[in-house]
Protein backbone atom coordinates (compact mmCIF):
# COMPACT_ATOMS: atom_id res chain seq x y z
CA UNK A 1 0.66 -2.05 17.71
CA UNK A 2 1.56 -3.59 21.14
CA UNK A 3 2.94 -6.84 20.50
CA UNK A 4 4.11 -9.24 17.37
CA UNK A 5 4.25 -13.07 17.61
CA UNK A 6 6.14 -15.07 15.24
CA UNK A 7 5.23 -18.80 14.42
CA UNK A 8 7.17 -21.02 12.02
CA UNK A 9 4.90 -22.83 9.21
CA UNK A 10 5.61 -25.30 6.84
CA UNK A 11 7.39 -25.13 3.48
CA UNK A 12 9.76 -22.15 4.90
CA UNK A 13 7.50 -19.88 5.72
CA UNK A 14 6.81 -17.80 8.81
CA UNK A 15 3.36 -16.42 10.09
CA UNK A 16 3.58 -12.95 11.60
CA UNK A 17 0.95 -11.79 14.04
CA UNK A 18 0.27 -8.27 14.73
CA UNK A 19 -1.81 -7.41 17.66
CA UNK A 20 -2.96 -3.71 17.81
CA UNK A 21 -5.43 -1.45 20.03
CA UNK A 22 -7.79 1.04 18.21
CA UNK A 23 -6.29 4.50 18.70
CA UNK A 24 -9.29 6.32 18.83
CA UNK A 25 -10.27 5.22 22.30
CA UNK A 26 -13.53 3.70 21.83
CA UNK A 27 -14.40 1.11 24.34
CA UNK A 28 -16.30 -0.61 21.91
CA UNK A 29 -13.44 -1.82 19.70
CA UNK A 30 -11.54 -4.95 20.49
CA UNK A 31 -8.12 -6.07 19.78
CA UNK A 32 -7.31 -6.51 16.28
CA UNK A 33 -4.74 -9.32 14.93
CA UNK A 34 -3.52 -9.02 11.74
CA UNK A 35 -1.74 -11.79 10.10
CA UNK A 36 0.88 -12.07 7.64
CA UNK A 37 2.82 -14.92 5.75
CA UNK A 38 6.35 -14.39 5.04
CA UNK A 39 9.38 -16.43 3.83
CA UNK A 40 11.65 -17.57 6.64
CA UNK A 41 14.69 -15.41 5.24
CA UNK A 42 12.20 -12.75 4.85
CA UNK A 43 13.07 -12.10 1.50
CA UNK A 44 9.79 -12.99 0.32
CA UNK A 45 6.62 -11.07 1.28
CA UNK A 46 3.33 -10.21 0.15
CA UNK A 47 1.79 -6.86 -1.30
CA UNK A 48 -0.46 -6.68 1.87
CA UNK A 49 2.53 -6.96 4.60
CA UNK A 50 4.50 -4.69 2.49
CA UNK A 51 1.86 -2.07 2.48
CA UNK A 52 1.28 -2.77 6.06
CA UNK A 53 5.03 -1.91 6.71
CA UNK A 54 4.70 0.96 4.69
CA UNK A 55 1.57 2.32 6.59
CA UNK A 56 3.72 2.12 9.79
CA UNK A 57 6.35 4.25 8.44
CA UNK A 58 8.99 1.52 7.72
CA UNK A 59 9.95 2.37 3.94
CA UNK A 60 13.38 0.01 3.73
CA UNK A 61 14.07 -3.28 5.30
CA UNK A 62 12.71 -4.72 8.60
CA UNK A 63 15.09 -6.91 9.93
CA UNK A 64 13.86 -7.23 13.73
CA UNK A 65 9.90 -7.29 14.24
CA UNK A 66 10.59 -4.94 17.45
CA UNK A 67 10.95 -2.31 15.09
CA UNK A 68 6.67 -2.64 14.46
CA UNK A 69 5.87 -2.58 18.13
CA UNK A 70 4.45 0.77 19.20
CA UNK A 71 3.93 2.14 15.66
CA UNK A 72 0.35 3.49 14.59
CA UNK A 73 -1.34 2.92 11.39
CA UNK A 74 -4.95 3.34 9.79
CA UNK A 75 -6.92 0.47 8.24
CA UNK A 76 -10.16 -0.22 6.84
CA UNK A 77 -12.25 -3.31 6.02
CA UNK A 78 -10.25 -5.20 8.78
CA UNK A 79 -7.00 -4.91 6.83
CA UNK A 80 -7.98 -7.69 4.09
CA UNK A 81 -6.04 -5.89 1.25
CA UNK A 82 -2.89 -4.27 0.56
CA UNK A 83 -4.97 -1.29 -0.49
CA UNK A 84 -6.79 -1.40 3.22
CA UNK A 85 -3.61 -0.01 5.00
CA UNK A 86 -2.49 3.57 5.42
CA UNK A 87 -0.71 5.82 7.75
CA UNK A 88 -2.36 7.24 10.40
CA UNK A 89 -1.86 10.97 9.02
CA UNK A 90 -3.75 9.88 6.21
CA UNK A 91 -6.62 8.85 8.27
CA UNK A 92 -6.83 12.09 10.57
CA UNK A 93 -6.35 14.44 7.95
């Protein structure tokens, strides 16, 4: 992952956009953007976002999105569901 963008939405929600390059180096792959909605205070998060954080190796809290940048994760099906995220170690093994 190389960048994280945060946008305030309505109803005390925040959209977190995560920008990632494919790690396999294939030129046919393009940058992927994963969007997540969380509460502005960060206390309400979807199971999909929780699965994404775990796939990145973040087990506890994430108080700063800079903790996410530079991490690796595996995904399938475009990361549409919580079950579509996993650690890169699982994808390689």
